Amino acid sequence: MEKSAAYLPTRASWPLELALMAAVGLFFGLAGLFNTSEAPLNYRLGYWLPVMMFGGIIVMLSELAWNRLSALPLKSAAASFIAVTVIATSGECFVVALFDGPHDVTMPNYYYIGQLWLNVVIVMIPMVAMMRVLRIFLLRPRVTSESSVVSPDPSNPSIEIPSLIASRLRAPLRTSTLHAIQAEDHYIRIFTADGDDLIKMRFADALSSLQTYPGFRLHRSWWAAEAAIQGARFKNGRGQVSLTGNVTAPLSRTYAGELREAGWLG
C-alpha cells in the first residue's frame, strides 16, 4: 500500500507547484468562473491568482501536516488524499471568504459557509490531484515504486578518499575510491572499492571532511557516496540502502527525505 509520504512536496517541487496554481488562477480569471465573468479582467485576475496560489500553499502544508500527525494506516494514498482535501478545503474557505469581503466570517452564517465549502471542495479535489501528479511524474521520473531498485548515474564515479581519512588506512586502500562510512563506537569502518578497514576517528570528523563530496547521510552511524548506491527502499518507517560490494546500510526516517528528493525513493 502506497503511503502519503510518496506525495510530499519538496524544496524542488514547491516552485513548480506554485507556478501550476498560478496557471490555474490565470485560467479561472480569464474564464470568469464561479460568477466572476461580469467583473473586469483586472479584478478577476487580482482575485483568482492569489486565491489559487494561497490554495497551493495550503495544500502543501496540509500534505506535510497529515503525513507527520496521522497514524500509519491513515497514510494510504486514498486516505491521505481525502484527508488532505478536507483539511485544505477548510483552510482555503477562509482565504476565499476574506477575498469575498462582504460576508462576516466571524458570524455563524451556516448557509453561506456550507455553500462556500461545497464550491471550494469542487476546486480542491482536482487541485490536490494535479499537485500530486506533478510531484510523482515530473519531479521523480526515476521512481516506479517504494521498493524499486534504481541504478546510479554512471557519469557520477566513485569519489576519492579525503586525505584526512586516507592517511589512516592500510596502504592498499589509500588510493581506492570511497563507498561508505560506518560508525562503530570510537572507530569508523571505511568501505572502499578494494575492501574495508577500521580506523580510529570520530564519525563527526569524517563527515566534516566529506562536506564537498557527493553523498548522503543515511543513518546516525552511516554515510554513503552517491555513486555507490545501487538501490534504496523505505517503508513503514524503516529503510535500507544497497551499496556496491554487497553492503547494506540502514536508512532512517530522519535522512530519508534527502534521498527522496534526489529521486531514489517514491
C-alpha atoms as a PDB file:
ATOM      1  CA  MET A   1       0.000   0.000   0.000  1.00  0.00           C
ATOM      2  CA  GLU A   2       1.460   3.334  -1.013  1.00  0.00           C
ATOM      3  CA  LYS A   3       1.874   5.852   1.781  1.00  0.00           C
ATOM      4  CA  SER A   4       1.245   9.582   1.660  1.00  0.00           C
ATOM      5  CA  ALA A   5       4.991  10.202   2.041  1.00  0.00           C
ATOM      6  CA  ALA A   6       5.248   9.429  -1.668  1.00  0.00           C
ATOM      7  CA  TYR A   7       3.263  12.587  -2.377  1.00  0.00           C
ATOM      8  CA  LEU A   8       5.048  15.028  -0.084  1.00  0.00           C
ATOM      9  CA  PRO A   9       6.128  18.378  -1.535  1.00  0.00           C
ATOM     10  CA  THR A  10       9.855  19.015  -1.601  1.00  0.00           C
ATOM     11  CA  ARG A  11      12.116  22.013  -1.942  1.00  0.00           C
ATOM     12  CA  ALA A  12      12.438  21.096  -5.600  1.00  0.00           C
ATOM     13  CA  SER A  13       8.693  20.753  -6.200  1.00  0.00           C
ATOM     14  CA  TRP A  14       7.132  23.749  -4.456  1.00  0.00           C
ATOM     15  CA  PRO A  15       8.154  26.407  -7.034  1.00  0.00           C
ATOM     16  CA  LEU A  16       6.607  24.310  -9.802  1.00  0.00           C
ATOM     17  CA  GLU A  17       3.520  23.651  -7.699  1.00  0.00           C
ATOM     18  CA  LEU A  18       3.005  27.372  -7.124  1.00  0.00           C
ATOM     19  CA  ALA A  19       3.581  28.016 -10.826  1.00  0.00           C
ATOM     20  CA  LEU A  20       0.930  25.400 -11.618  1.00  0.00           C
ATOM     21  CA  MET A  21      -1.551  27.060  -9.255  1.00  0.00           C
ATOM     22  CA  ALA A  22      -0.774  30.458 -10.775  1.00  0.00           C
ATOM     23  CA  ALA A  23      -1.576  28.998 -14.203  1.00  0.00           C
ATOM     24  CA  VAL A  24      -4.860  27.607 -12.864  1.00  0.00           C
ATOM     25  CA  GLY A  25      -5.662  31.008 -11.324  1.00  0.00           C
ATOM     26  CA  LEU A  26      -4.911  32.689 -14.633  1.00  0.00           C
ATOM     27  CA  PHE A  27      -7.260  30.298 -16.416  1.00  0.00           C
ATOM     28  CA  PHE A  28     -10.038  30.867 -13.866  1.00  0.00           C
ATOM     29  CA  GLY A  29      -9.583  34.618 -14.153  1.00  0.00           C
ATOM     30  CA  LEU A  30      -9.720  34.616 -17.947  1.00  0.00           C
ATOM     31  CA  ALA A  31     -12.699  32.236 -17.982  1.00  0.00           C
ATOM     32  CA  GLY A  32     -14.548  34.157 -15.253  1.00  0.00           C
ATOM     33  CA  LEU A  33     -15.610  31.044 -13.371  1.00  0.00           C
ATOM     34  CA  PHE A  34     -17.981  30.979 -10.378  1.00  0.00           C
ATOM     35  CA  ASN A  35     -19.985  34.071 -11.337  1.00  0.00           C
ATOM     36  CA  THR A  36     -16.969  36.345 -11.825  1.00  0.00           C
ATOM     37  CA  SER A  37     -17.358  36.704 -15.592  1.00  0.00           C
ATOM     38  CA  GLU A  38     -19.127  40.078 -15.323  1.00  0.00           C
ATOM     39  CA  ALA A  39     -16.295  41.626 -13.311  1.00  0.00           C
ATOM     40  CA  PRO A  40     -13.453  43.492 -15.085  1.00  0.00           C
ATOM     41  CA  LEU A  41     -10.499  41.352 -16.160  1.00  0.00           C
ATOM     42  CA  ASN A  42      -8.055  43.053 -13.800  1.00  0.00           C
ATOM     43  CA  TYR A  43     -10.395  42.314 -10.872  1.00  0.00           C
ATOM     44  CA  ARG A  44     -10.785  38.673 -11.892  1.00  0.00           C
ATOM     45  CA  LEU A  45      -7.038  38.179 -12.171  1.00  0.00           C
ATOM     46  CA  GLY A  46      -6.442  40.034  -8.916  1.00  0.00           C
ATOM     47  CA  TYR A  47      -8.892  37.676  -7.245  1.00  0.00           C
ATOM     48  CA  TRP A  48      -8.132  34.278  -8.763  1.00  0.00           C
ATOM     49  CA  LEU A  49      -4.319  34.422  -8.898  1.00  0.00           C
ATOM     50  CA  PRO A  50      -3.739  34.982  -5.154  1.00  0.00           C
ATOM     51  CA  VAL A  51      -6.656  32.736  -4.162  1.00  0.00           C
ATOM     52  CA  MET A  52      -5.254  29.802  -6.113  1.00  0.00           C
ATOM     53  CA  MET A  53      -1.649  30.402  -5.060  1.00  0.00           C
ATOM     54  CA  PHE A  54      -2.675  30.606  -1.390  1.00  0.00           C
ATOM     55  CA  GLY A  55      -4.606  27.392  -2.032  1.00  0.00           C
ATOM     56  CA  GLY A  56      -1.446  25.727  -3.323  1.00  0.00           C
ATOM     57  CA  ILE A  57       0.441  26.710  -0.175  1.00  0.00           C
ATOM     58  CA  ILE A  58      -2.388  25.367   1.980  1.00  0.00           C
ATOM     59  CA  VAL A  59      -2.364  22.039   0.111  1.00  0.00           C
ATOM     60  CA  MET A  60       1.399  21.647   0.590  1.00  0.00           C
ATOM     61  CA  LEU A  61       1.163  22.446   4.303  1.00  0.00           C
ATOM     62  CA  SER A  62      -1.770  20.032   4.649  1.00  0.00           C
ATOM     63  CA  GLU A  63       0.238  17.242   2.993  1.00  0.00           C
ATOM     64  CA  LEU A  64       3.158  17.771   5.377  1.00  0.00           C
ATOM     65  CA  ALA A  65       0.929  18.069   8.465  1.00  0.00           C
ATOM     66  CA  TRP A  66      -1.089  14.954   7.661  1.00  0.00           C
ATOM     67  CA  ASN A  67       1.986  12.855   6.966  1.00  0.00           C
ATOM     68  CA  ARG A  68       3.542  13.912  10.287  1.00  0.00           C
ATOM     69  CA  LEU A  69       0.473  13.685  12.532  1.00  0.00           C
ATOM     70  CA  SER A  70      -1.660  10.851  11.199  1.00  0.00           C
ATOM     71  CA  ALA A  71      -1.464   7.205  12.190  1.00  0.00           C
ATOM     72  CA  LEU A  72       0.214   4.885   9.714  1.00  0.00           C
ATOM     73  CA  PRO A  73      -2.993   3.128   8.491  1.00  0.00           C
ATOM     74  CA  LEU A  74      -4.355   6.558   7.518  1.00  0.00           C
ATOM     75  CA  LYS A  75      -1.369   7.314   5.271  1.00  0.00           C
ATOM     76  CA  SER A  76      -2.532   5.216   2.350  1.00  0.00           C
ATOM     77  CA  ALA A  77      -2.950   7.017  -0.956  1.00  0.00           C
ATOM     78  CA  ALA A  78      -6.767   7.143  -0.759  1.00  0.00           C
ATOM     79  CA  ALA A  79      -6.988   8.061   2.942  1.00  0.00           C
ATOM     80  CA  SER A  80      -4.378  10.787   2.691  1.00  0.00           C
ATOM     81  CA  PHE A  81      -5.990  12.220  -0.457  1.00  0.00           C
ATOM     82  CA  ILE A  82      -9.360  12.535   1.280  1.00  0.00           C
ATOM     83  CA  ALA A  83      -7.847  13.946   4.474  1.00  0.00           C
ATOM     84  CA  VAL A  84      -5.630  16.475   2.705  1.00  0.00           C
ATOM     85  CA  THR A  85      -8.516  17.602   0.503  1.00  0.00           C
ATOM     86  CA  VAL A  86     -10.798  18.150   3.505  1.00  0.00           C
ATOM     87  CA  ILE A  87      -8.124  19.979   5.502  1.00  0.00           C
ATOM     88  CA  ALA A  88      -7.026  22.122   2.567  1.00  0.00           C
ATOM     89  CA  THR A  89     -10.634  22.937   1.632  1.00  0.00           C
ATOM     90  CA  SER A  90     -11.344  24.183   5.142  1.00  0.00           C
ATOM     91  CA  GLY A  91      -8.270  26.401   5.060  1.00  0.00           C
ATOM     92  CA  GLU A  92      -8.999  27.692   1.572  1.00  0.00           C
ATOM     93  CA  CYS A  93     -12.537  28.643   2.655  1.00  0.00           C
ATOM     94  CA  PHE A  94     -11.081  31.280   4.959  1.00  0.00           C
ATOM     95  CA  VAL A  95      -8.959  32.662   2.117  1.00  0.00           C
ATOM     96  CA  VAL A  96     -11.930  32.839  -0.247  1.00  0.00           C
ATOM     97  CA  ALA A  97     -14.147  34.383   2.437  1.00  0.00           C
ATOM     98  CA  LEU A  98     -11.561  37.080   3.118  1.00  0.00           C
ATOM     99  CA  PHE A  99     -11.260  37.904  -0.582  1.00  0.00           C
ATOM    100  CA  ASP A 100     -15.050  37.919  -0.977  1.00  0.00           C
ATOM    101  CA  GLY A 101     -15.204  40.684   1.599  1.00  0.00           C
ATOM    102  CA  PRO A 102     -18.855  41.457   2.377  1.00  0.00           C
ATOM    103  CA  HIS A 103     -19.516  38.327   4.451  1.00  0.00           C
ATOM    104  CA  ASP A 104     -18.653  38.434   8.132  1.00  0.00           C
ATOM    105  CA  VAL A 105     -16.788  35.157   8.588  1.00  0.00           C
ATOM    106  CA  THR A 106     -16.973  35.511  12.370  1.00  0.00           C
ATOM    107  CA  MET A 107     -20.782  35.150  12.324  1.00  0.00           C
ATOM    108  CA  PRO A 108     -22.397  31.679  12.167  1.00  0.00           C
ATOM    109  CA  ASN A 109     -23.909  32.065   8.690  1.00  0.00           C
ATOM    110  CA  TYR A 110     -24.222  28.326   8.148  1.00  0.00           C
ATOM    111  CA  TYR A 111     -25.847  28.538   4.723  1.00  0.00           C
ATOM    112  CA  TYR A 112     -23.034  30.723   3.392  1.00  0.00           C
ATOM    113  CA  ILE A 113     -20.378  28.527   4.985  1.00  0.00           C
ATOM    114  CA  GLY A 114     -21.939  25.350   3.564  1.00  0.00           C
ATOM    115  CA  GLN A 115     -22.231  26.759   0.054  1.00  0.00           C
ATOM    116  CA  LEU A 116     -18.706  28.126   0.227  1.00  0.00           C
ATOM    117  CA  TRP A 117     -17.273  24.791   1.371  1.00  0.00           C
ATOM    118  CA  LEU A 118     -19.017  22.900  -1.439  1.00  0.00           C
ATOM    119  CA  ASN A 119     -17.797  25.372  -4.060  1.00  0.00           C
ATOM    120  CA  VAL A 120     -14.233  25.242  -2.762  1.00  0.00           C
ATOM    121  CA  VAL A 121     -14.053  21.446  -2.485  1.00  0.00           C
ATOM    122  CA  ILE A 122     -15.054  21.163  -6.165  1.00  0.00           C
ATOM    123  CA  VAL A 123     -11.881  23.091  -6.987  1.00  0.00           C
ATOM    124  CA  MET A 124      -9.660  21.473  -4.366  1.00  0.00           C
ATOM    125  CA  ILE A 125     -10.231  17.857  -5.463  1.00  0.00           C
ATOM    126  CA  PRO A 126      -8.582  18.270  -8.895  1.00  0.00           C
ATOM    127  CA  MET A 127      -6.114  20.737  -7.380  1.00  0.00           C
ATOM    128  CA  VAL A 128      -4.733  18.199  -4.875  1.00  0.00           C
ATOM    129  CA  ALA A 129      -4.676  15.557  -7.614  1.00  0.00           C
ATOM    130  CA  MET A 130      -2.755  17.792 -10.047  1.00  0.00           C
ATOM    131  CA  MET A 131      -0.164  18.702  -7.427  1.00  0.00           C
ATOM    132  CA  ARG A 132       0.407  15.037  -6.577  1.00  0.00           C
ATOM    133  CA  VAL A 133       0.737  14.113 -10.242  1.00  0.00           C
ATOM    134  CA  LEU A 134       3.267  16.916 -10.674  1.00  0.00           C
ATOM    135  CA  ARG A 135       5.403  15.616  -7.799  1.00  0.00           C
ATOM    136  CA  ILE A 136       5.300  11.988  -8.903  1.00  0.00           C
ATOM    137  CA  PHE A 137       5.660  12.124 -12.657  1.00  0.00           C
ATOM    138  CA  LEU A 138       7.524  15.360 -13.337  1.00  0.00           C
ATOM    139  CA  LEU A 139       9.960  15.605 -10.445  1.00  0.00           C
ATOM    140  CA  ARG A 140      10.685  11.925  -9.821  1.00  0.00           C
ATOM    141  CA  PRO A 141      10.944  10.263 -13.222  1.00  0.00           C
ATOM    142  CA  ARG A 142      13.346   7.550 -11.957  1.00  0.00           C
ATOM    143  CA  VAL A 143      10.900   6.237  -9.335  1.00  0.00           C
ATOM    144  CA  THR A 144       8.493   3.388 -10.054  1.00  0.00           C
ATOM    145  CA  SER A 145       7.642   2.179  -6.538  1.00  0.00           C
ATOM    146  CA  GLU A 146       8.761   2.338  -2.935  1.00  0.00           C
ATOM    147  CA  SER A 147      10.815  -0.811  -3.241  1.00  0.00           C
ATOM    148  CA  SER A 148      12.212  -0.108  -6.683  1.00  0.00           C
ATOM    149  CA  VAL A 149      15.920  -0.541  -7.305  1.00  0.00           C
ATOM    150  CA  VAL A 150      17.499   2.243  -9.319  1.00  0.00           C
ATOM    151  CA  SER A 151      20.938   2.095 -10.856  1.00  0.00           C
ATOM    152  CA  PRO A 152      23.214   5.024 -10.046  1.00  0.00           C
ATOM    153  CA  ASP A 153      24.215   7.535 -12.676  1.00  0.00           C
ATOM    154  CA  PRO A 154      27.259   6.078 -14.457  1.00  0.00           C
ATOM    155  CA  SER A 155      28.538   9.598 -15.135  1.00  0.00           C
ATOM    156  CA  ASN A 156      28.985  10.081 -11.376  1.00  0.00           C
ATOM    157  CA  PRO A 157      32.056   7.952 -10.498  1.00  0.00           C
ATOM    158  CA  SER A 158      33.030   6.848  -7.009  1.00  0.00           C
ATOM    159  CA  ILE A 159      34.885   9.539  -5.118  1.00  0.00           C
ATOM    160  CA  GLU A 160      38.443   9.577  -3.901  1.00  0.00           C
ATOM    161  CA  ILE A 161      39.055   9.236  -0.203  1.00  0.00           C
ATOM    162  CA  PRO A 162      39.765  12.515   1.638  1.00  0.00           C
ATOM    163  CA  SER A 163      43.349  12.785   2.819  1.00  0.00           C
ATOM    164  CA  LEU A 164      42.270  13.017   6.476  1.00  0.00           C
ATOM    165  CA  ILE A 165      40.801   9.520   6.192  1.00  0.00           C
ATOM    166  CA  ALA A 166      43.170   8.043   3.589  1.00  0.00           C
ATOM    167  CA  SER A 167      46.253   8.731   5.710  1.00  0.00           C
ATOM    168  CA  ARG A 168      44.951   6.329   8.381  1.00  0.00           C
ATOM    169  CA  LEU A 169      44.006   3.470   6.084  1.00  0.00           C
ATOM    170  CA  ARG A 170      46.053   0.444   5.133  1.00  0.00           C
ATOM    171  CA  ALA A 171      48.324   1.306   2.227  1.00  0.00           C
ATOM    172  CA  PRO A 172      46.419  -0.711  -0.430  1.00  0.00           C
ATOM    173  CA  LEU A 173      43.213   1.224   0.315  1.00  0.00           C
ATOM    174  CA  ARG A 174      44.562   4.772   0.367  1.00  0.00           C
ATOM    175  CA  THR A 175      44.267   5.269  -3.394  1.00  0.00           C
ATOM    176  CA  SER A 176      40.976   3.396  -3.703  1.00  0.00           C
ATOM    177  CA  THR A 177      37.553   5.011  -4.101  1.00  0.00           C
ATOM    178  CA  LEU A 178      35.233   5.630  -1.187  1.00  0.00           C
ATOM    179  CA  HIS A 179      31.886   3.835  -0.933  1.00  0.00           C
ATOM    180  CA  ALA A 180      30.647   4.301   2.625  1.00  0.00           C
ATOM    181  CA  ILE A 181      31.498   5.033   6.249  1.00  0.00           C
ATOM    182  CA  GLN A 182      30.027   3.347   9.307  1.00  0.00           C
ATOM    183  CA  ALA A 183      30.486   4.473  12.913  1.00  0.00           C
ATOM    184  CA  GLU A 184      31.494   1.759  15.392  1.00  0.00           C
ATOM    185  CA  ASP A 185      31.870   3.201  18.909  1.00  0.00           C
ATOM    186  CA  HIS A 186      35.071   5.291  18.850  1.00  0.00           C
ATOM    187  CA  TYR A 187      36.063   3.927  15.437  1.00  0.00           C
ATOM    188  CA  ILE A 188      34.753   4.184  11.904  1.00  0.00           C
ATOM    189  CA  ARG A 189      34.737   1.485   9.261  1.00  0.00           C
ATOM    190  CA  ILE A 190      35.694   2.692   5.802  1.00  0.00           C
ATOM    191  CA  PHE A 191      34.228   0.786   2.843  1.00  0.00           C
ATOM    192  CA  THR A 192      36.181   1.194  -0.396  1.00  0.00           C
ATOM    193  CA  ALA A 193      36.272  -0.397  -3.838  1.00  0.00           C
ATOM    194  CA  ASP A 194      39.163  -2.569  -2.634  1.00  0.00           C
ATOM    195  CA  GLY A 195      37.869  -3.631   0.756  1.00  0.00           C
ATOM    196  CA  ASP A 196      37.209  -2.111   4.150  1.00  0.00           C
ATOM    197  CA  ASP A 197      39.270  -1.007   7.133  1.00  0.00           C
ATOM    198  CA  LEU A 198      38.581   0.034  10.714  1.00  0.00           C
ATOM    199  CA  ILE A 199      40.305   3.229  11.848  1.00  0.00           C
ATOM    200  CA  LYS A 200      40.181   5.311  14.993  1.00  0.00           C
ATOM    201  CA  MET A 201      38.416   8.571  14.186  1.00  0.00           C
ATOM    202  CA  ARG A 202      35.296  10.415  15.255  1.00  0.00           C
ATOM    203  CA  PHE A 203      32.388   9.967  12.879  1.00  0.00           C
ATOM    204  CA  ALA A 204      31.709  13.706  13.041  1.00  0.00           C
ATOM    205  CA  ASP A 205      35.269  14.482  11.878  1.00  0.00           C
ATOM    206  CA  ALA A 206      34.919  12.075   8.974  1.00  0.00           C
ATOM    207  CA  LEU A 207      31.651  13.713   7.919  1.00  0.00           C
ATOM    208  CA  SER A 208      33.271  17.132   8.136  1.00  0.00           C
ATOM    209  CA  SER A 209      35.949  16.059   5.665  1.00  0.00           C
ATOM    210  CA  LEU A 210      33.238  14.885   3.247  1.00  0.00           C
ATOM    211  CA  GLN A 211      31.231  18.115   3.021  1.00  0.00           C
ATOM    212  CA  THR A 212      32.206  18.760  -0.614  1.00  0.00           C
ATOM    213  CA  TYR A 213      31.794  15.135  -1.708  1.00  0.00           C
ATOM    214  CA  PRO A 214      28.614  13.811  -3.395  1.00  0.00           C
ATOM    215  CA  GLY A 215      26.963  11.543  -0.877  1.00  0.00           C
ATOM    216  CA  PHE A 216      24.182  11.084   1.638  1.00  0.00           C
ATOM    217  CA  ARG A 217      23.831  10.652   5.368  1.00  0.00           C
ATOM    218  CA  LEU A 218      21.716   7.504   5.720  1.00  0.00           C
ATOM    219  CA  HIS A 219      21.600   6.931   9.449  1.00  0.00           C
ATOM    220  CA  ARG A 220      23.115   8.356  12.600  1.00  0.00           C
ATOM    221  CA  SER A 221      26.012   5.949  12.052  1.00  0.00           C
ATOM    222  CA  TRP A 222      26.146   5.696   8.228  1.00  0.00           C
ATOM    223  CA  TRP A 223      27.208   7.823   5.267  1.00  0.00           C
ATOM    224  CA  ALA A 224      27.399   6.641   1.641  1.00  0.00           C
ATOM    225  CA  ALA A 225      28.830   8.006  -1.579  1.00  0.00           C
ATOM    226  CA  GLU A 226      26.104   8.643  -4.125  1.00  0.00           C
ATOM    227  CA  ALA A 227      27.907   6.630  -6.795  1.00  0.00           C
ATOM    228  CA  ALA A 228      27.999   3.590  -4.501  1.00  0.00           C
ATOM    229  CA  ILE A 229      24.221   3.463  -4.075  1.00  0.00           C
ATOM    230  CA  GLN A 230      22.654   0.604  -6.049  1.00  0.00           C
ATOM    231  CA  GLY A 231      19.086   0.930  -4.772  1.00  0.00           C
ATOM    232  CA  ALA A 232      17.003   2.115  -1.840  1.00  0.00           C
ATOM    233  CA  ARG A 233      13.657   1.410  -0.250  1.00  0.00           C
ATOM    234  CA  PHE A 234      11.730   2.920   2.642  1.00  0.00           C
ATOM    235  CA  LYS A 235       8.529   1.508   4.088  1.00  0.00           C
ATOM    236  CA  ASN A 236       6.699   1.649   7.409  1.00  0.00           C
ATOM    237  CA  GLY A 237       9.253   3.992   8.907  1.00  0.00           C
ATOM    238  CA  ARG A 238      12.269   1.837   8.044  1.00  0.00           C
ATOM    239  CA  GLY A 239      14.522   1.595   5.059  1.00  0.00           C
ATOM    240  CA  GLN A 240      17.600   0.004   3.546  1.00  0.00           C
ATOM    241  CA  VAL A 241      20.147   1.151   1.014  1.00  0.00           C
ATOM    242  CA  SER A 242      22.038  -1.326  -1.148  1.00  0.00           C
ATOM    243  CA  LEU A 243      25.640  -0.314  -1.805  1.00  0.00           C
ATOM    244  CA  THR A 244      28.361  -1.507  -4.129  1.00  0.00           C
ATOM    245  CA  GLY A 245      30.188  -4.534  -2.775  1.00  0.00           C
ATOM    246  CA  ASN A 246      27.114  -6.289  -1.345  1.00  0.00           C
ATOM    247  CA  VAL A 247      26.964  -3.852   1.570  1.00  0.00           C
ATOM    248  CA  THR A 248      23.559  -2.971   3.032  1.00  0.00           C
ATOM    249  CA  ALA A 249      23.107   0.136   5.160  1.00  0.00           C
ATOM    250  CA  PRO A 250      20.073   1.152   7.245  1.00  0.00           C
ATOM    251  CA  LEU A 251      18.059   4.209   6.232  1.00  0.00           C
ATOM    252  CA  SER A 252      16.355   6.162   8.991  1.00  0.00           C
ATOM    253  CA  ARG A 253      13.294   8.405   8.713  1.00  0.00           C
ATOM    254  CA  THR A 254      15.442  11.418   9.631  1.00  0.00           C
ATOM    255  CA  TYR A 255      17.576  11.117   6.499  1.00  0.00           C
ATOM    256  CA  ALA A 256      15.121   9.508   4.079  1.00  0.00           C
ATOM    257  CA  GLY A 257      13.870  12.876   2.849  1.00  0.00           C
ATOM    258  CA  GLU A 258      17.179  13.807   1.222  1.00  0.00           C
ATOM    259  CA  LEU A 259      17.278  10.539  -0.695  1.00  0.00           C
ATOM    260  CA  ARG A 260      13.667  11.034  -1.720  1.00  0.00           C
ATOM    261  CA  GLU A 261      14.412  14.495  -3.089  1.00  0.00           C
ATOM    262  CA  ALA A 262      17.302  13.045  -5.086  1.00  0.00           C
ATOM    263  CA  GLY A 263      14.914  10.543  -6.709  1.00  0.00           C
ATOM    264  CA  TRP A 264      15.976   7.323  -5.004  1.00  0.00           C
ATOM    265  CA  LEU A 265      12.659   6.803  -3.189  1.00  0.00           C
ATOM    266  CA  GLY A 266       8.968   7.024  -4.071  1.00  0.00           C
END
